[in-house]
Amino acid sequence: PAAIGGHVTHHGPGCAGLYGLRIIEAPVATDGYTVDVDALRALAHETRPRLITLGASLNLAEHPVAEVRGIADDVGAHLLFDAAHQCGIIAGGAWKNPLAEGAHLMTMSTYKSLGGPAGGLIVTNDAGLAERLDAIAFPGLTANFDAAKSAALAITLCDWKTHGRAYAAQMVAVAQALADAMEAEGLPVFKTRGVATRSHQFALEAAAFGGGQAAARHLRQAGFLACGIGLPVAPVSGDMNGLRIGTPELVRRGVTPDHAPLMARLIARALRSPEPSGSRAETTGWRREFDQVHYVT
């Protein structure tokens, strides 16, 4: 569901809706940020879906892939995992591999937490599915590909073979440290089952700042980039109710958990200030200290 980070492309306004697919949202557990496996099992037996999707635009804890694969098998469905945001931490071993957990297919971005050129991949361990997807890609949807992008991705993956585990672990560590530091600053960190995050992302409840997109615009004036996101909390009229923060680019530039308290103070000050641009000079000056690219060969 969109309220717990489901991507728009899997809903009515996105490609699923444009292709005329019948879309049924998965039930949400009482903790508010995971799928209710028992309720999903009952729903799947009632509706007999051909495809079940897991994964989201905001991932705070691992998804019940193995359990949902069992449900998919019961009703003759395929299980697709959307790893657009977790692709890097999966590659680096900081997040369970959904294919190993039972997903038939995994879609992923080649940038975001992976840090390569903009693009995407569909991966599977099923040779039959791979052949079907290949036939759909050409000539069904595409006619060629960008060889230069493929070369850039190859370099990225070589870096991951050498540095991936350290990079992924640091992305998660910085996200956890920054969430803790923001909570210490009195900011409303969203939690599920008492935990802010087990990934490289976390979120703030944004009602106090006029909504997530409003908060993101406020932070941009102070030199920080973030974005709005939906959360399973009270809605904000005319805006999203959450603010999403991620760490891949921070870590790539050398940010560590030790930097979290200062960053949290700057972000808290900007969010609470009527003139956030007043903090931009300090943010920019501090940013200049991070002038190296890390985790590359």
C-alpha atoms as a PDB file:
ATOM      1  CA  PRO A   1       0.000   0.000   0.000  1.00  0.00           C
ATOM      2  CA  ALA A   2       1.076   3.595  -0.672  1.00  0.00           C
ATOM      3  CA  ALA A   3       0.683   4.424   3.029  1.00  0.00           C
ATOM      4  CA  ILE A   4       3.624   2.144   3.830  1.00  0.00           C
ATOM      5  CA  GLY A   5       5.808   3.099   0.883  1.00  0.00           C
ATOM      6  CA  GLY A   6       4.328   1.137  -2.017  1.00  0.00           C
ATOM      7  CA  HIS A   7       5.490   2.759  -5.238  1.00  0.00           C
ATOM      8  CA  VAL A   8       3.048   4.648  -7.438  1.00  0.00           C
ATOM      9  CA  THR A   9       3.959   2.497 -10.458  1.00  0.00           C
ATOM     10  CA  HIS A  10       2.318  -0.473  -8.739  1.00  0.00           C
ATOM     11  CA  HIS A  11      -0.926   1.454  -8.231  1.00  0.00           C
ATOM     12  CA  GLY A  12      -3.677   2.942 -10.369  1.00  0.00           C
ATOM     13  CA  PRO A  13      -1.858   6.120 -11.497  1.00  0.00           C
ATOM     14  CA  GLY A  14       1.214   4.114 -12.556  1.00  0.00           C
ATOM     15  CA  CYS A  15       1.926   1.523 -15.217  1.00  0.00           C
ATOM     16  CA  ALA A  16      -0.075  -1.187 -13.434  1.00  0.00           C
ATOM     17  CA  GLY A  17      -3.205   0.928 -13.712  1.00  0.00           C
ATOM     18  CA  LEU A  18      -2.415   2.115 -17.218  1.00  0.00           C
ATOM     19  CA  TYR A  19      -2.187  -1.514 -18.355  1.00  0.00           C
ATOM     20  CA  GLY A  20      -5.627  -2.121 -16.898  1.00  0.00           C
ATOM     21  CA  LEU A  21      -4.504  -4.516 -14.198  1.00  0.00           C
ATOM     22  CA  ARG A  22      -6.753  -5.148 -11.236  1.00  0.00           C
ATOM     23  CA  ILE A  23      -4.897  -3.801  -8.207  1.00  0.00           C
ATOM     24  CA  ILE A  24      -5.664  -4.906  -4.652  1.00  0.00           C
ATOM     25  CA  GLU A  25      -3.702  -3.405  -1.759  1.00  0.00           C
ATOM     26  CA  ALA A  26      -2.138  -5.842   0.683  1.00  0.00           C
ATOM     27  CA  PRO A  27      -3.424  -5.711   4.273  1.00  0.00           C
ATOM     28  CA  VAL A  28      -1.251  -3.815   6.751  1.00  0.00           C
ATOM     29  CA  ALA A  29      -0.227  -5.266  10.110  1.00  0.00           C
ATOM     30  CA  THR A  30      -1.149  -3.573  13.364  1.00  0.00           C
ATOM     31  CA  ASP A  31       2.366  -2.154  13.734  1.00  0.00           C
ATOM     32  CA  GLY A  32       1.500   0.033  10.759  1.00  0.00           C
ATOM     33  CA  TYR A  33       4.497  -0.607   8.537  1.00  0.00           C
ATOM     34  CA  THR A  34       4.551  -4.270   7.505  1.00  0.00           C
ATOM     35  CA  VAL A  35       2.279  -6.602   5.572  1.00  0.00           C
ATOM     36  CA  ASP A  36      -0.191  -8.623   7.635  1.00  0.00           C
ATOM     37  CA  VAL A  37       0.780 -12.102   6.437  1.00  0.00           C
ATOM     38  CA  ASP A  38      -2.282 -13.924   7.777  1.00  0.00           C
ATOM     39  CA  ALA A  39      -4.683 -11.377   6.301  1.00  0.00           C
ATOM     40  CA  LEU A  40      -2.776 -11.456   3.003  1.00  0.00           C
ATOM     41  CA  ARG A  41      -3.092 -15.236   2.894  1.00  0.00           C
ATOM     42  CA  ALA A  42      -6.864 -15.014   3.272  1.00  0.00           C
ATOM     43  CA  LEU A  43      -7.087 -12.227   0.688  1.00  0.00           C
ATOM     44  CA  ALA A  44      -4.951 -14.132  -1.812  1.00  0.00           C
ATOM     45  CA  HIS A  45      -7.109 -17.246  -1.522  1.00  0.00           C
ATOM     46  CA  GLU A  46     -10.167 -15.072  -2.105  1.00  0.00           C
ATOM     47  CA  THR A  47      -8.861 -13.015  -5.048  1.00  0.00           C
ATOM     48  CA  ARG A  48      -6.358 -15.470  -6.670  1.00  0.00           C
ATOM     49  CA  PRO A  49      -3.778 -12.903  -7.853  1.00  0.00           C
ATOM     50  CA  ARG A  50      -1.301 -13.675 -10.616  1.00  0.00           C
ATOM     51  CA  LEU A  51       1.358 -11.404  -9.087  1.00  0.00           C
ATOM     52  CA  ILE A  52       2.118 -10.348  -5.510  1.00  0.00           C
ATOM     53  CA  THR A  53       4.537  -7.467  -4.942  1.00  0.00           C
ATOM     54  CA  LEU A  54       6.630  -6.593  -1.894  1.00  0.00           C
ATOM     55  CA  GLY A  55       9.092  -3.747  -1.352  1.00  0.00           C
ATOM     56  CA  ALA A  56       8.639  -0.031  -1.116  1.00  0.00           C
ATOM     57  CA  SER A  57      10.007   3.483  -1.510  1.00  0.00           C
ATOM     58  CA  LEU A  58      10.739   3.590   2.220  1.00  0.00           C
ATOM     59  CA  ASN A  59      12.087   0.417   3.801  1.00  0.00           C
ATOM     60  CA  LEU A  60      12.591   0.457   7.543  1.00  0.00           C
ATOM     61  CA  ALA A  61      12.604  -3.290   8.266  1.00  0.00           C
ATOM     62  CA  GLU A  62      12.893  -6.420   6.173  1.00  0.00           C
ATOM     63  CA  HIS A  63       9.785  -7.770   4.495  1.00  0.00           C
ATOM     64  CA  PRO A  64       8.315 -11.271   5.080  1.00  0.00           C
ATOM     65  CA  VAL A  65       9.478 -12.609   1.721  1.00  0.00           C
ATOM     66  CA  ALA A  66       9.608 -16.306   2.613  1.00  0.00           C
ATOM     67  CA  GLU A  67       6.130 -16.265   4.138  1.00  0.00           C
ATOM     68  CA  VAL A  68       4.647 -14.416   1.164  1.00  0.00           C
ATOM     69  CA  ARG A  69       6.349 -16.819  -1.261  1.00  0.00           C
ATOM     70  CA  GLY A  70       4.438 -19.599   0.477  1.00  0.00           C
ATOM     71  CA  ILE A  71       1.202 -17.703  -0.111  1.00  0.00           C
ATOM     72  CA  ALA A  72       2.120 -17.152  -3.765  1.00  0.00           C
ATOM     73  CA  ASP A  73       2.741 -20.873  -4.212  1.00  0.00           C
ATOM     74  CA  ASP A  74      -0.621 -21.685  -2.635  1.00  0.00           C
ATOM     75  CA  VAL A  75      -2.540 -19.570  -5.163  1.00  0.00           C
ATOM     76  CA  GLY A  76      -0.331 -20.010  -8.241  1.00  0.00           C
ATOM     77  CA  ALA A  77       1.084 -16.465  -8.221  1.00  0.00           C
ATOM     78  CA  HIS A  78       4.547 -15.062  -8.838  1.00  0.00           C
ATOM     79  CA  LEU A  79       6.231 -12.969  -6.148  1.00  0.00           C
ATOM     80  CA  LEU A  80       7.942  -9.757  -7.261  1.00  0.00           C
ATOM     81  CA  PHE A  81      10.214  -7.817  -4.921  1.00  0.00           C
ATOM     82  CA  ASP A  82      10.772  -4.104  -5.587  1.00  0.00           C
ATOM     83  CA  ALA A  83      14.380  -3.489  -4.523  1.00  0.00           C
ATOM     84  CA  ALA A  84      14.744  -0.072  -6.141  1.00  0.00           C
ATOM     85  CA  HIS A  85      16.032   1.463  -2.932  1.00  0.00           C
ATOM     86  CA  GLN A  86      17.646  -1.518  -1.203  1.00  0.00           C
ATOM     87  CA  CYS A  87      19.667  -2.742  -4.193  1.00  0.00           C
ATOM     88  CA  GLY A  88      22.954  -1.539  -2.689  1.00  0.00           C
ATOM     89  CA  ILE A  89      22.445  -2.825   0.828  1.00  0.00           C
ATOM     90  CA  ILE A  90      21.302  -6.160  -0.620  1.00  0.00           C
ATOM     91  CA  ALA A  91      24.439  -6.336  -2.776  1.00  0.00           C
ATOM     92  CA  GLY A  92      26.544  -5.497   0.281  1.00  0.00           C
ATOM     93  CA  GLY A  93      24.931  -8.093   2.518  1.00  0.00           C
ATOM     94  CA  ALA A  94      23.317  -5.603   4.913  1.00  0.00           C
ATOM     95  CA  TRP A  95      19.799  -6.682   3.849  1.00  0.00           C
ATOM     96  CA  LYS A  96      18.566 -10.190   3.064  1.00  0.00           C
ATOM     97  CA  ASN A  97      18.570 -11.164  -0.608  1.00  0.00           C
ATOM     98  CA  PRO A  98      14.894 -11.431  -1.652  1.00  0.00           C
ATOM     99  CA  LEU A  99      15.713 -13.953  -4.389  1.00  0.00           C
ATOM    100  CA  ALA A 100      17.351 -16.223  -1.827  1.00  0.00           C
ATOM    101  CA  GLU A 101      14.308 -15.728   0.409  1.00  0.00           C
ATOM    102  CA  GLY A 102      11.974 -16.916  -2.347  1.00  0.00           C
ATOM    103  CA  ALA A 103      11.026 -14.028  -4.643  1.00  0.00           C
ATOM    104  CA  HIS A 104      10.578 -15.147  -8.251  1.00  0.00           C
ATOM    105  CA  LEU A 105      11.619 -11.738  -9.593  1.00  0.00           C
ATOM    106  CA  MET A 106      13.401  -8.669  -8.298  1.00  0.00           C
ATOM    107  CA  THR A 107      13.359  -5.221  -9.876  1.00  0.00           C
ATOM    108  CA  MET A 108      16.036  -2.733  -8.888  1.00  0.00           C
ATOM    109  CA  SER A 109      17.557   0.608  -9.726  1.00  0.00           C
ATOM    110  CA  THR A 110      21.186   0.807 -10.756  1.00  0.00           C
ATOM    111  CA  TYR A 111      21.657   4.163  -9.043  1.00  0.00           C
ATOM    112  CA  LYS A 112      20.148   5.074  -5.635  1.00  0.00           C
ATOM    113  CA  SER A 113      21.941   2.928  -3.051  1.00  0.00           C
ATOM    114  CA  LEU A 114      23.907   1.061  -5.738  1.00  0.00           C
ATOM    115  CA  GLY A 115      25.469   4.314  -6.949  1.00  0.00           C
ATOM    116  CA  GLY A 116      25.740   3.507 -10.650  1.00  0.00           C
ATOM    117  CA  PRO A 117      24.266   5.154 -13.758  1.00  0.00           C
ATOM    118  CA  ALA A 118      20.537   5.846 -13.842  1.00  0.00           C
ATOM    119  CA  GLY A 119      18.638   2.799 -15.012  1.00  0.00           C
ATOM    120  CA  GLY A 120      17.134  -0.434 -13.782  1.00  0.00           C
ATOM    121  CA  LEU A 121      17.364  -4.205 -13.834  1.00  0.00           C
ATOM    122  CA  ILE A 122      14.971  -7.131 -13.624  1.00  0.00           C
ATOM    123  CA  VAL A 123      16.711 -10.155 -12.125  1.00  0.00           C
ATOM    124  CA  THR A 124      15.597 -13.722 -11.459  1.00  0.00           C
ATOM    125  CA  ASN A 125      17.039 -17.141 -10.686  1.00  0.00           C
ATOM    126  CA  ASP A 126      14.393 -18.762 -12.923  1.00  0.00           C
ATOM    127  CA  ALA A 127      15.729 -19.370 -16.448  1.00  0.00           C
ATOM    128  CA  GLY A 128      12.235 -19.763 -17.875  1.00  0.00           C
ATOM    129  CA  LEU A 129      11.103 -16.424 -16.479  1.00  0.00           C
ATOM    130  CA  ALA A 130      14.287 -14.802 -17.760  1.00  0.00           C
ATOM    131  CA  GLU A 131      13.560 -15.987 -21.294  1.00  0.00           C
ATOM    132  CA  ARG A 132       9.990 -14.689 -21.123  1.00  0.00           C
ATOM    133  CA  LEU A 133      11.184 -11.308 -19.856  1.00  0.00           C
ATOM    134  CA  ASP A 134      13.828 -11.120 -22.567  1.00  0.00           C
ATOM    135  CA  ALA A 135      11.173 -11.634 -25.238  1.00  0.00           C
ATOM    136  CA  ILE A 136       8.996  -8.929 -23.683  1.00  0.00           C
ATOM    137  CA  ALA A 137      11.883  -6.457 -23.484  1.00  0.00           C
ATOM    138  CA  PHE A 138      12.721  -6.954 -27.173  1.00  0.00           C
ATOM    139  CA  PRO A 139      10.842  -6.525 -29.376  1.00  0.00           C
ATOM    140  CA  GLY A 140       7.918  -5.882 -27.049  1.00  0.00           C
ATOM    141  CA  LEU A 141       9.118  -2.757 -25.240  1.00  0.00           C
ATOM    142  CA  THR A 142      12.596  -1.743 -26.446  1.00  0.00           C
ATOM    143  CA  ALA A 143      14.724  -1.803 -29.574  1.00  0.00           C
ATOM    144  CA  ASN A 144      18.233  -1.170 -28.232  1.00  0.00           C
ATOM    145  CA  PHE A 145      20.209  -0.249 -25.137  1.00  0.00           C
ATOM    146  CA  ASP A 146      22.874   2.248 -24.074  1.00  0.00           C
ATOM    147  CA  ALA A 147      26.223   0.460 -24.193  1.00  0.00           C
ATOM    148  CA  ALA A 148      27.948   3.354 -22.419  1.00  0.00           C
ATOM    149  CA  LYS A 149      25.575   2.944 -19.485  1.00  0.00           C
ATOM    150  CA  SER A 150      26.336  -0.775 -19.404  1.00  0.00           C
ATOM    151  CA  ALA A 151      30.056  -0.049 -19.212  1.00  0.00           C
ATOM    152  CA  ALA A 152      29.523   2.417 -16.370  1.00  0.00           C
ATOM    153  CA  LEU A 153      27.425  -0.157 -14.516  1.00  0.00           C
ATOM    154  CA  ALA A 154      30.179  -2.741 -14.943  1.00  0.00           C
ATOM    155  CA  ILE A 155      32.644  -0.380 -13.237  1.00  0.00           C
ATOM    156  CA  THR A 156      30.144   0.210 -10.435  1.00  0.00           C
ATOM    157  CA  LEU A 157      29.730  -3.516  -9.861  1.00  0.00           C
ATOM    158  CA  CYS A 158      33.505  -3.982  -9.775  1.00  0.00           C
ATOM    159  CA  ASP A 159      33.636  -1.371  -7.002  1.00  0.00           C
ATOM    160  CA  TRP A 160      30.936  -3.280  -5.158  1.00  0.00           C
ATOM    161  CA  LYS A 161      32.903  -6.526  -5.309  1.00  0.00           C
ATOM    162  CA  THR A 162      35.742  -4.769  -3.483  1.00  0.00           C
ATOM    163  CA  HIS A 163      33.988  -2.257  -1.222  1.00  0.00           C
ATOM    164  CA  GLY A 164      30.322  -3.255  -1.182  1.00  0.00           C
ATOM    165  CA  ARG A 165      30.105  -4.798   2.272  1.00  0.00           C
ATOM    166  CA  ALA A 166      31.803  -1.851   3.950  1.00  0.00           C
ATOM    167  CA  TYR A 167      29.741   0.699   2.002  1.00  0.00           C
ATOM    168  CA  ALA A 168      26.424  -1.023   2.727  1.00  0.00           C
ATOM    169  CA  ALA A 169      27.187  -1.428   6.430  1.00  0.00           C
ATOM    170  CA  GLN A 170      28.163   2.230   6.717  1.00  0.00           C
ATOM    171  CA  MET A 171      24.992   3.409   4.963  1.00  0.00           C
ATOM    172  CA  VAL A 172      22.907   1.575   7.557  1.00  0.00           C
ATOM    173  CA  ALA A 173      25.085   2.714  10.472  1.00  0.00           C
ATOM    174  CA  VAL A 174      24.867   6.372   9.444  1.00  0.00           C
ATOM    175  CA  ALA A 175      21.088   6.175   8.969  1.00  0.00           C
ATOM    176  CA  GLN A 176      20.661   4.696  12.440  1.00  0.00           C
ATOM    177  CA  ALA A 177      23.007   7.227  14.032  1.00  0.00           C
ATOM    178  CA  LEU A 178      21.334  10.137  12.263  1.00  0.00           C
ATOM    179  CA  ALA A 179      17.859   8.963  13.274  1.00  0.00           C
ATOM    180  CA  ASP A 180      19.015   8.690  16.896  1.00  0.00           C
ATOM    181  CA  ALA A 181      20.629  12.130  16.748  1.00  0.00           C
ATOM    182  CA  MET A 182      17.496  13.704  15.284  1.00  0.00           C
ATOM    183  CA  GLU A 183      15.388  12.129  18.000  1.00  0.00           C
ATOM    184  CA  ALA A 184      17.805  13.604  20.552  1.00  0.00           C
ATOM    185  CA  GLU A 185      17.155  16.989  18.928  1.00  0.00           C
ATOM    186  CA  GLY A 186      13.449  16.511  19.579  1.00  0.00           C
ATOM    187  CA  LEU A 187      12.470  15.776  15.984  1.00  0.00           C
ATOM    188  CA  PRO A 188       9.556  13.328  15.457  1.00  0.00           C
ATOM    189  CA  VAL A 189      11.341  10.261  14.064  1.00  0.00           C
ATOM    190  CA  PHE A 190       8.872   7.690  12.736  1.00  0.00           C
ATOM    191  CA  LYS A 191       9.338   4.198  14.172  1.00  0.00           C
ATOM    192  CA  THR A 192       7.937   0.769  13.474  1.00  0.00           C
ATOM    193  CA  ARG A 193       7.979  -1.712  16.345  1.00  0.00           C
ATOM    194  CA  GLY A 194      10.027   0.807  18.300  1.00  0.00           C
ATOM    195  CA  VAL A 195      12.824   0.966  15.706  1.00  0.00           C
ATOM    196  CA  ALA A 196      13.583   3.909  13.424  1.00  0.00           C
ATOM    197  CA  THR A 197      15.325   1.879  10.729  1.00  0.00           C
ATOM    198  CA  ARG A 198      17.289  -1.216   9.865  1.00  0.00           C
ATOM    199  CA  SER A 199      18.166   0.156   6.421  1.00  0.00           C
ATOM    200  CA  HIS A 200      19.829   3.202   4.885  1.00  0.00           C
ATOM    201  CA  GLN A 201      16.577   5.218   5.081  1.00  0.00           C
ATOM    202  CA  PHE A 202      14.401   6.658   7.808  1.00  0.00           C
ATOM    203  CA  ALA A 203      11.596   9.195   8.072  1.00  0.00           C
ATOM    204  CA  LEU A 204      10.318  12.065  10.157  1.00  0.00           C
ATOM    205  CA  GLU A 205       6.651  12.670  10.806  1.00  0.00           C
ATOM    206  CA  ALA A 206       6.186  15.964   8.992  1.00  0.00           C
ATOM    207  CA  ALA A 207       2.909  17.467  10.226  1.00  0.00           C
ATOM    208  CA  ALA A 208       4.730  19.928  12.482  1.00  0.00           C
ATOM    209  CA  PHE A 209       6.584  21.301   9.443  1.00  0.00           C
ATOM    210  CA  GLY A 210       3.592  21.709   7.136  1.00  0.00           C
ATOM    211  CA  GLY A 211       4.042  18.334   5.432  1.00  0.00           C
ATOM    212  CA  GLY A 212       6.851  16.355   3.866  1.00  0.00           C
ATOM    213  CA  GLN A 213       7.238  18.297   0.635  1.00  0.00           C
ATOM    214  CA  ALA A 214       7.020  21.594   2.510  1.00  0.00           C
ATOM    215  CA  ALA A 215       9.730  20.380   4.879  1.00  0.00           C
ATOM    216  CA  ALA A 216      11.885  19.288   1.930  1.00  0.00           C
ATOM    217  CA  ARG A 217      11.604  22.742   0.355  1.00  0.00           C
ATOM    218  CA  HIS A 218      12.520  24.279   3.703  1.00  0.00           C
ATOM    219  CA  LEU A 219      15.604  22.076   4.007  1.00  0.00           C
ATOM    220  CA  ARG A 220      16.680  22.812   0.451  1.00  0.00           C
ATOM    221  CA  GLN A 221      17.053  26.470   1.403  1.00  0.00           C
ATOM    222  CA  ALA A 222      19.458  25.368   4.137  1.00  0.00           C
ATOM    223  CA  GLY A 223      21.479  23.137   1.810  1.00  0.00           C
ATOM    224  CA  PHE A 224      19.951  19.709   2.495  1.00  0.00           C
ATOM    225  CA  LEU A 225      18.126  17.416   0.069  1.00  0.00           C
ATOM    226  CA  ALA A 226      15.249  15.208   1.246  1.00  0.00           C
ATOM    227  CA  CYS A 227      11.746  14.436   0.002  1.00  0.00           C
ATOM    228  CA  GLY A 228       8.191  13.822   1.124  1.00  0.00           C
ATOM    229  CA  ILE A 229       6.886  10.297   1.701  1.00  0.00           C
ATOM    230  CA  GLY A 230       3.638   8.730   2.869  1.00  0.00           C
ATOM    231  CA  LEU A 231       3.485   7.295   6.398  1.00  0.00           C
ATOM    232  CA  PRO A 232       0.711   5.408   8.217  1.00  0.00           C
ATOM    233  CA  VAL A 233       0.033   8.366  10.520  1.00  0.00           C
ATOM    234  CA  ALA A 234      -2.514  11.180  10.449  1.00  0.00           C
ATOM    235  CA  PRO A 235      -2.698  12.837   7.003  1.00  0.00           C
ATOM    236  CA  VAL A 236      -1.489  16.346   6.252  1.00  0.00           C
ATOM    237  CA  SER A 237      -3.877  18.325   4.080  1.00  0.00           C
ATOM    238  CA  GLY A 238      -2.404  19.081   0.670  1.00  0.00           C
ATOM    239  CA  ASP A 239       0.930  17.386   1.347  1.00  0.00           C
ATOM    240  CA  MET A 240       2.611  14.147   2.329  1.00  0.00           C
ATOM    241  CA  ASN A 241       2.806  13.381   6.021  1.00  0.00           C
ATOM    242  CA  GLY A 242       6.398  12.168   6.134  1.00  0.00           C
ATOM    243  CA  LEU A 243       9.908  13.357   5.261  1.00  0.00           C
ATOM    244  CA  ARG A 244      12.272  10.695   3.881  1.00  0.00           C
ATOM    245  CA  ILE A 245      16.023  10.879   4.482  1.00  0.00           C
ATOM    246  CA  GLY A 246      18.637   8.554   2.970  1.00  0.00           C
ATOM    247  CA  THR A 247      22.375   8.126   3.427  1.00  0.00           C
ATOM    248  CA  PRO A 248      24.008   6.686   0.237  1.00  0.00           C
ATOM    249  CA  GLU A 249      25.441   9.975  -1.024  1.00  0.00           C
ATOM    250  CA  LEU A 250      26.445  11.093   2.467  1.00  0.00           C
ATOM    251  CA  VAL A 251      28.470   7.931   3.005  1.00  0.00           C
ATOM    252  CA  ARG A 252      29.955   8.068  -0.487  1.00  0.00           C
ATOM    253  CA  ARG A 253      31.362  11.483   0.457  1.00  0.00           C
ATOM    254  CA  GLY A 254      32.793  10.278   3.763  1.00  0.00           C
ATOM    255  CA  VAL A 255      30.103  10.959   6.369  1.00  0.00           C
ATOM    256  CA  THR A 256      30.319   8.591   9.358  1.00  0.00           C
ATOM    257  CA  PRO A 257      28.142   8.065  12.454  1.00  0.00           C
ATOM    258  CA  ASP A 258      30.393  10.523  14.297  1.00  0.00           C
ATOM    259  CA  HIS A 259      29.074  13.319  12.067  1.00  0.00           C
ATOM    260  CA  ALA A 260      25.431  12.574  12.901  1.00  0.00           C
ATOM    261  CA  PRO A 261      25.006  14.940  15.908  1.00  0.00           C
ATOM    262  CA  LEU A 262      26.161  18.017  13.982  1.00  0.00           C
ATOM    263  CA  MET A 263      24.075  17.144  10.940  1.00  0.00           C
ATOM    264  CA  ALA A 264      21.022  16.569  13.129  1.00  0.00           C
ATOM    265  CA  ARG A 265      21.494  19.955  14.800  1.00  0.00           C
ATOM    266  CA  LEU A 266      21.736  21.718  11.443  1.00  0.00           C
ATOM    267  CA  ILE A 267      18.652  19.942  10.096  1.00  0.00           C
ATOM    268  CA  ALA A 268      16.635  20.585  13.260  1.00  0.00           C
ATOM    269  CA  ARG A 269      17.579  24.260  13.207  1.00  0.00           C
ATOM    270  CA  ALA A 270      16.601  24.584   9.551  1.00  0.00           C
ATOM    271  CA  LEU A 271      13.244  22.848  10.008  1.00  0.00           C
ATOM    272  CA  ARG A 272      12.334  25.086  12.928  1.00  0.00           C
ATOM    273  CA  SER A 273      13.602  28.352  11.477  1.00  0.00           C
ATOM    274  CA  PRO A 274      11.365  30.800   9.593  1.00  0.00           C
ATOM    275  CA  GLU A 275      14.466  31.679   7.528  1.00  0.00           C
ATOM    276  CA  PRO A 276      16.276  28.389   6.831  1.00  0.00           C
ATOM    277  CA  SER A 277      18.527  30.022   4.245  1.00  0.00           C
ATOM    278  CA  GLY A 278      20.354  31.586   7.183  1.00  0.00           C
ATOM    279  CA  SER A 279      21.922  28.170   7.870  1.00  0.00           C
ATOM    280  CA  ARG A 280      23.043  27.593   4.303  1.00  0.00           C
ATOM    281  CA  ALA A 281      26.501  29.142   4.679  1.00  0.00           C
ATOM    282  CA  GLU A 282      27.333  26.884   7.632  1.00  0.00           C
ATOM    283  CA  THR A 283      26.006  23.822   5.814  1.00  0.00           C
ATOM    284  CA  THR A 284      27.951  24.687   2.669  1.00  0.00           C
ATOM    285  CA  GLY A 285      31.137  25.311   4.617  1.00  0.00           C
ATOM    286  CA  TRP A 286      30.857  21.962   6.368  1.00  0.00           C
ATOM    287  CA  ARG A 287      30.046  20.214   3.087  1.00  0.00           C
ATOM    288  CA  ARG A 288      33.393  21.376   1.663  1.00  0.00           C
ATOM    289  CA  GLU A 289      35.163  19.144   4.183  1.00  0.00           C
ATOM    290  CA  PHE A 290      33.794  16.103   2.355  1.00  0.00           C
ATOM    291  CA  ASP A 291      35.712  16.484  -0.891  1.00  0.00           C
ATOM    292  CA  GLN A 292      36.632  12.851  -1.582  1.00  0.00           C
ATOM    293  CA  VAL A 293      34.668   9.994  -3.133  1.00  0.00           C
ATOM    294  CA  HIS A 294      34.841   6.817  -1.052  1.00  0.00           C
ATOM    295  CA  TYR A 295      34.229   3.120  -1.720  1.00  0.00           C
ATOM    296  CA  VAL A 296      35.646   3.200  -5.232  1.00  0.00           C
ATOM    297  CA  THR A 297      38.627   1.342  -6.649  1.00  0.00           C
END
